[in-house]
Protein backbone atom coordinates (compact mmCIF):
# COMPACT_ATOMS: atom_id res chain seq x y z
CA MET A 1 83.12 180.68 100.50
CA THR A 2 83.06 177.83 103.03
CA SER A 3 81.96 178.96 106.49
CA PRO A 4 84.18 178.54 109.59
CA VAL A 5 81.53 176.18 111.03
CA LEU A 6 81.87 173.78 108.11
CA ILE A 7 85.67 173.99 108.09
CA ALA A 8 85.88 173.27 111.83
CA THR A 9 83.35 170.43 111.58
CA ALA A 10 85.20 168.84 108.65
CA ALA A 11 88.56 168.98 110.45
CA ILE A 12 87.15 167.60 113.71
CA SER A 13 85.21 164.79 111.99
CA LEU A 14 88.26 163.77 109.92
CA PHE A 15 90.43 163.62 113.05
CA GLY A 16 87.75 161.58 114.82
CA PHE A 17 87.47 159.20 111.89
CA LEU A 18 91.21 158.52 111.79
CA SER A 19 91.52 158.20 115.58
CA ASN A 20 88.58 155.84 115.84
CA CYS A 21 89.95 153.71 113.00
CA LEU A 22 93.15 153.23 115.00
CA ILE A 23 91.27 152.32 118.19
CA PHE A 24 89.00 149.96 116.24
CA TYR A 25 92.02 148.14 114.85
CA LEU A 26 93.62 147.85 118.29
CA VAL A 27 90.45 146.53 119.91
CA VAL A 28 89.70 144.00 117.17
CA SER A 29 93.28 142.74 117.04
CA ASN A 30 93.23 142.11 120.81
CA ARG A 31 89.73 140.72 121.24
CA ARG A 32 89.38 138.06 123.94
CA ARG A 33 85.85 138.30 125.28
CA PHE A 34 82.45 139.06 123.81
CA TYR A 35 82.38 142.59 125.22
CA HIS A 36 85.47 143.40 123.15
CA TYR A 37 83.32 142.87 120.03
CA LEU A 38 80.60 145.12 121.46
CA PHE A 39 83.15 147.86 122.13
CA ALA A 40 84.57 147.44 118.63
CA ALA A 41 81.05 147.77 117.21
CA LEU A 42 80.58 150.97 119.22
CA VAL A 43 83.79 152.43 117.80
CA LEU A 44 82.74 151.33 114.30
CA ALA A 45 79.47 153.25 114.69
CA CYS A 46 81.52 156.34 115.61
CA ILE A 47 83.75 155.76 112.57
CA ILE A 48 80.78 155.65 110.19
CA TRP A 49 79.22 158.72 111.77
CA ASP A 50 82.46 160.75 111.58
CA LEU A 51 83.04 159.72 107.96
CA ASN A 52 79.50 160.67 106.95
CA VAL A 53 79.75 164.05 108.64
CA PHE A 54 83.03 164.67 106.80
CA LEU A 55 81.45 163.71 103.45
CA LEU A 56 78.40 165.83 104.24
CA ILE A 57 80.66 168.87 104.74
CA MET A 58 82.79 168.13 101.66
CA ARG A 59 79.68 167.77 99.49
CA ASN A 60 77.66 170.46 101.25
CA GLN A 61 76.60 172.25 98.09
CA HIS A 62 75.21 169.03 96.58
CA VAL A 63 71.94 169.09 98.47
CA ASP A 64 70.58 166.05 96.65
CA GLU A 65 73.23 163.88 98.35
CA LEU A 66 72.89 165.09 101.93
CA ASN A 67 69.96 162.90 102.96
CA ILE A 68 71.89 159.82 101.84
CA TYR A 69 74.78 160.73 104.15
CA GLY A 70 72.30 161.46 106.93
CA LEU A 71 70.57 158.11 106.56
CA ILE A 72 73.83 156.12 106.41
CA GLY A 73 75.19 157.95 109.46
CA ALA A 74 71.97 157.84 111.50
CA ILE A 75 71.48 154.06 111.44
CA PRO A 76 74.84 153.14 113.06
CA GLY A 77 74.34 156.02 115.51
CA ILE A 78 71.10 154.45 116.71
CA PHE A 79 73.07 151.40 117.86
CA ILE A 80 75.34 153.45 120.16
CA PRO A 81 73.11 153.43 123.31
CA VAL A 82 72.34 149.70 123.23
CA LEU A 83 75.97 148.82 122.46
CA ILE A 84 77.15 150.88 125.43
CA TYR A 85 74.54 149.37 127.74
CA HIS A 86 75.22 145.80 126.58
CA PHE A 87 78.98 146.27 126.84
CA THR A 88 78.71 147.77 130.33
CA ALA A 89 76.40 145.01 131.56
CA LEU A 90 78.93 142.37 130.55
CA TYR A 91 81.93 144.39 131.73
CA VAL A 92 80.61 144.93 135.27
CA GLY A 93 78.84 141.56 135.50
CA ARG A 94 75.33 143.03 135.74
CA ILE A 95 73.66 140.78 133.18
CA ARG A 96 69.88 141.02 132.97
CA ILE A 97 68.79 139.40 129.75
CA TRP A 98 65.34 140.96 129.64
CA GLU A 99 66.74 144.51 129.86
CA ILE A 100 69.29 143.91 127.12
CA ALA A 101 66.73 142.16 124.90
CA ALA A 102 64.21 145.00 125.36
CA LEU A 103 66.79 147.62 124.38
CA TRP A 104 67.77 145.66 121.28
CA LEU A 105 64.10 145.29 120.24
CA VAL A 106 63.45 149.03 120.68
CA THR A 107 66.63 149.80 118.72
CA LEU A 108 65.62 147.57 115.83
CA ALA A 109 62.11 149.09 115.78
CA TYR A 110 63.61 152.58 115.67
CA ILE A 111 65.85 151.59 112.78
CA VAL A 112 62.80 150.41 110.83
CA LEU A 113 61.21 153.84 111.35
CA VAL A 114 64.37 155.61 110.20
CA ALA A 115 64.75 153.39 107.14
CA SER A 116 61.09 153.98 106.23
CA GLY A 117 61.62 157.76 106.14
CA VAL A 118 59.71 158.69 109.29
CA PHE A 119 62.76 160.19 111.02
CA VAL A 120 64.81 161.13 107.95
CA PRO A 121 62.28 162.56 105.48
CA PRO A 122 63.46 162.34 101.86
CA GLU A 123 64.17 165.50 99.88
CA ARG A 124 64.07 167.85 102.85
CA ILE A 125 67.15 169.92 103.69
CA HIS A 126 67.77 172.62 106.28
CA GLN A 127 69.55 175.52 104.61
CA TYR A 128 71.31 177.72 107.15
CA ALA A 129 73.51 180.75 106.60
CA TRP A 130 76.56 178.66 107.55
CA GLY A 131 75.70 175.62 105.41
CA ASN A 132 73.23 172.89 104.52
CA ILE A 133 72.30 169.81 106.53
CA PHE A 134 69.80 166.98 106.21
CA SER A 135 66.54 166.92 108.16
CA MET A 136 65.99 164.32 110.87
CA VAL A 137 62.27 164.81 111.56
CA ASP A 138 59.28 166.74 110.18
CA ASN A 139 57.83 167.09 113.68
CA PRO A 140 60.31 167.92 116.49
CA LEU A 141 58.06 166.05 118.95
CA LEU A 142 59.12 162.82 117.24
CA SER A 143 62.65 163.43 118.49
CA ILE A 144 61.62 163.19 122.15
CA PRO A 145 61.56 159.34 122.19
CA MET A 146 65.03 159.36 120.64
CA PHE A 147 66.47 161.50 123.46
CA ILE A 148 64.62 159.48 126.11
CA GLY A 149 65.93 156.20 124.72
CA TRP A 150 69.44 157.63 124.46
CA TYR A 151 69.61 158.57 128.15
CA ILE A 152 67.69 155.54 129.41
CA ALA A 153 70.53 153.42 128.04
CA LEU A 154 73.59 155.64 128.60
CA TRP A 155 73.12 157.11 132.05
CA PRO A 156 72.33 153.78 133.75
CA ALA A 157 75.46 152.38 132.07
CA CYS A 158 77.47 155.25 133.58
CA TYR A 159 75.89 154.53 136.97
CA PHE A 160 76.79 150.82 136.77
CA LEU A 161 80.39 151.72 136.00
CA TRP A 162 80.50 154.15 138.93
CA ARG A 163 79.12 151.50 141.32
CA ALA A 164 81.55 148.92 139.99
CA ALA A 165 84.45 151.35 140.42
CA GLN A 166 83.63 151.66 144.13
CA LYS A 167 84.04 147.89 144.51
CA ALA A 168 87.02 147.47 142.18
CA PRO A 169 89.75 145.30 143.77
CA THR A 170 92.68 147.37 142.49
CA ARG A 171 93.46 150.97 141.61
CA LEU A 172 94.13 150.03 138.00
CA SER A 173 90.77 148.32 137.64
CA ARG A 174 89.10 151.35 139.24
CA ARG A 175 90.76 153.65 136.72
CA HIS A 176 89.50 151.46 133.88
CA HIS A 177 85.95 151.89 135.13
CA TYR A 178 86.33 155.64 135.47
CA TYR A 179 87.81 156.01 131.99
CA LEU A 180 84.82 154.20 130.48
CA LEU A 181 82.36 156.11 132.68
CA ILE A 182 83.72 159.51 131.63
CA GLY A 183 83.91 158.46 127.98
CA PHE A 184 80.31 157.26 127.90
CA PHE A 185 79.09 160.36 129.74
CA VAL A 186 80.82 162.51 127.11
CA ILE A 187 79.02 160.58 124.35
CA SER A 188 75.72 161.13 126.16
CA LEU A 189 76.22 164.89 125.80
CA ALA A 190 77.28 164.70 122.14
CA ILE A 191 73.72 163.77 121.07
CA TRP A 192 72.66 167.43 121.24
CA LYS A 193 74.44 168.09 117.96
CA VAL A 194 71.51 166.47 116.14
CA LEU A 195 69.32 169.47 117.02
CA VAL A 196 70.71 171.26 113.95
CA THR A 197 69.07 168.54 111.85
CA MET A 198 65.71 169.44 113.40
CA GLY A 199 65.60 173.05 112.28
CA ILE A 200 67.35 174.55 115.31
CA ASP A 201 69.93 176.98 113.91
CA VAL A 202 72.66 176.73 116.56
CA PRO A 203 75.87 175.75 114.74
CA PHE A 204 77.74 175.74 118.06
CA LEU A 205 75.89 172.52 118.90
CA LEU A 206 77.21 170.78 115.78
CA VAL A 207 80.83 171.73 116.38
CA THR A 208 80.62 170.98 120.10
CA GLY A 209 79.02 167.60 119.46
CA MET A 210 81.81 166.58 117.11
CA VAL A 211 84.43 167.81 119.60
CA LEU A 212 82.80 165.64 122.29
CA ASN A 213 83.00 162.65 119.95
CA ASP A 214 86.72 163.27 119.59
CA LEU A 215 87.05 163.72 123.35
CA PHE A 216 85.60 160.24 123.86
CA THR A 217 88.22 158.89 121.46
CA ALA A 218 90.96 160.78 123.31
CA ILE A 219 89.84 159.38 126.68
CA ILE A 220 89.83 155.80 125.40
CA GLY A 221 93.18 156.32 123.65
CA LEU A 222 94.71 157.70 126.83
CA ALA A 223 93.36 154.76 128.82
CA ILE A 224 94.86 152.31 126.33
CA VAL A 225 98.29 153.93 126.31
CA LYS A 226 98.55 154.82 129.99
CA ASP A 227 96.64 152.06 131.77
CA ARG A 228 96.33 149.15 129.32
CA LEU A 229 92.59 149.41 128.78
CA LEU A 230 91.48 146.54 126.52
CA ASP A 231 94.83 144.83 127.16
CA ILE A 232 96.62 146.17 124.09
CA THR A 233 99.76 147.51 125.71
CA VAL A 234 102.12 145.28 123.71
CA ILE A 235 100.94 146.69 120.42
CA ILE A 236 101.16 150.24 121.74
CA LYS A 237 104.66 149.57 123.11
CA ILE A 238 105.98 148.18 119.84
CA GLY A 239 104.28 150.97 117.91
CA ALA A 240 105.79 153.61 120.19
CA ILE A 241 109.30 152.19 119.72
CA TYR A 242 109.21 151.85 115.97
CA SER A 243 107.34 155.10 115.35
CA ALA A 244 110.05 156.93 117.29
CA LEU A 245 112.79 155.03 115.46
CA ALA A 246 111.23 155.90 112.11
CA GLY A 247 111.16 159.56 113.11
CA VAL A 248 114.82 159.46 114.16
CA LEU A 249 115.85 157.71 110.94
CA ILE A 250 113.98 160.19 108.73
CA PHE A 251 115.52 163.12 110.61
CA VAL A 252 119.08 161.77 110.43
CA PHE A 253 118.73 160.86 106.74
CA SER A 254 117.28 164.25 105.75
CA PHE A 255 119.69 166.25 107.92
CA THR A 256 122.74 164.37 106.60
CA GLU A 257 121.70 164.88 102.98
CA HIS A 258 121.08 168.56 103.62
CA ILE A 259 124.53 169.06 105.20
CA LEU A 260 126.31 167.11 102.45
CA ILE A 261 124.56 168.95 99.62
CA THR A 262 124.98 172.34 101.30
CA TYR A 263 128.69 172.09 102.09
CA PHE A 264 129.98 169.43 99.69
CA GLY A 265 127.61 169.90 96.77
CA GLU A 266 130.28 170.78 94.24
CA LEU A 267 132.55 167.92 95.34
CA ILE A 268 129.91 165.20 94.90
CA ALA A 269 128.13 166.72 91.92
CA GLY A 270 127.08 164.04 89.50
CA HIS A 271 127.33 161.37 92.21
CA SER A 272 124.13 162.00 94.17
CA GLN A 273 123.85 158.29 95.09
CA VAL A 274 126.91 158.77 97.30
CA THR A 275 124.90 161.19 99.40
CA HIS A 276 122.17 158.58 99.89
CA PHE A 277 124.64 155.88 100.91
CA ILE A 278 126.34 158.14 103.45
CA ALA A 279 122.99 159.28 104.87
CA VAL A 280 121.75 155.68 105.21
CA GLY A 281 125.01 154.61 106.88
CA LEU A 282 124.85 157.41 109.44
CA GLY A 283 121.20 156.63 110.05
CA ILE A 284 122.03 153.01 110.87
CA LEU A 285 124.90 154.02 113.15
CA VAL A 286 122.63 156.36 115.09
CA LEU A 287 119.66 153.99 115.07
CA MET A 288 121.12 151.05 117.00
CA PRO A 289 122.04 152.83 120.27
CA VAL A 290 118.87 154.91 120.07
CA LYS A 291 116.81 151.72 119.67
CA HIS A 292 118.16 150.24 122.91
CA ARG A 293 117.55 153.46 124.80
CA LEU A 294 113.98 153.72 123.47
CA GLU A 295 113.20 150.11 124.37
CA GLY A 296 114.47 150.72 127.90
CA ALA A 297 112.43 153.90 128.29
CA VAL A 298 109.22 152.32 126.96
CA ASP A 299 109.71 149.21 129.11
CA ARG A 300 110.13 151.39 132.21
CA PHE A 301 106.97 153.32 131.30
CA PHE A 302 104.82 150.20 130.92
CA GLY A 303 106.69 147.72 133.12
CA HIS A 304 105.34 148.70 136.55
CA ARG A 305 101.71 148.27 135.50
CA VAL A 306 99.83 144.99 135.82
CA VAL A 307 97.57 143.81 133.01
CA GLU A 308 93.99 143.74 134.23
CA PHE A 309 91.14 143.41 131.77
């Protein structure tokens, strides 16, 4: 029987994967500056990690596959700190080439160690009462440089965003900085979930870490919808209108068919296409006035904000 820990982790990782895919699409489709690509790469790393965690849970009894998922998920995860630091440096205008270059060199060196099996030993699995998971390191002391590197990159990035927020020229720009700051700080805490891959049997850390990943996605999604982070309001506005219209149309169509079949089933028996035509007609009649009202409501929601990114 699958444990509650694995069920919760699978559900959370699947939600994170789908949410991050949507944000990745929105960022890539509205790219304008180089830091948009860096942010998209960060979200892509989260996508790969979430997908691999989901596959790891789904295939949990196949222990011979778990190290493959761990290796594929670990390599993109290693890029997260340097991507956040590089993005933040460009976003706030604090560009120091030697710092960025040093972080990229350390990241690439760490990836070589991971790929060589130093940090993800082959054929070693931690088998807990709640499930199986791959092993990150033979010696827990080897994980210390990973945590140090993680926070050396992430916490200064959060500090730069906080300083920039104090000098932001507008309230909207300040909110953008705070959204990113909180999101990156949340990611900095999510790293503790990897302790379960080091022989520390605390399943709460795994579930909490995946929840924090989803919280980062929720923060960025809220910033996009509410305050036009990454300048993708137009896509969100159109999507909000037509998603709502689709929901109205489906409801009207289904409700009309249900009423017709329930109360006039005998009368139209053998002519079921008539039901479809009537339902479609009523759907169109309802849709047009609803469309204008939705457009007005969405325009009022977004109209008073100024695009700043």
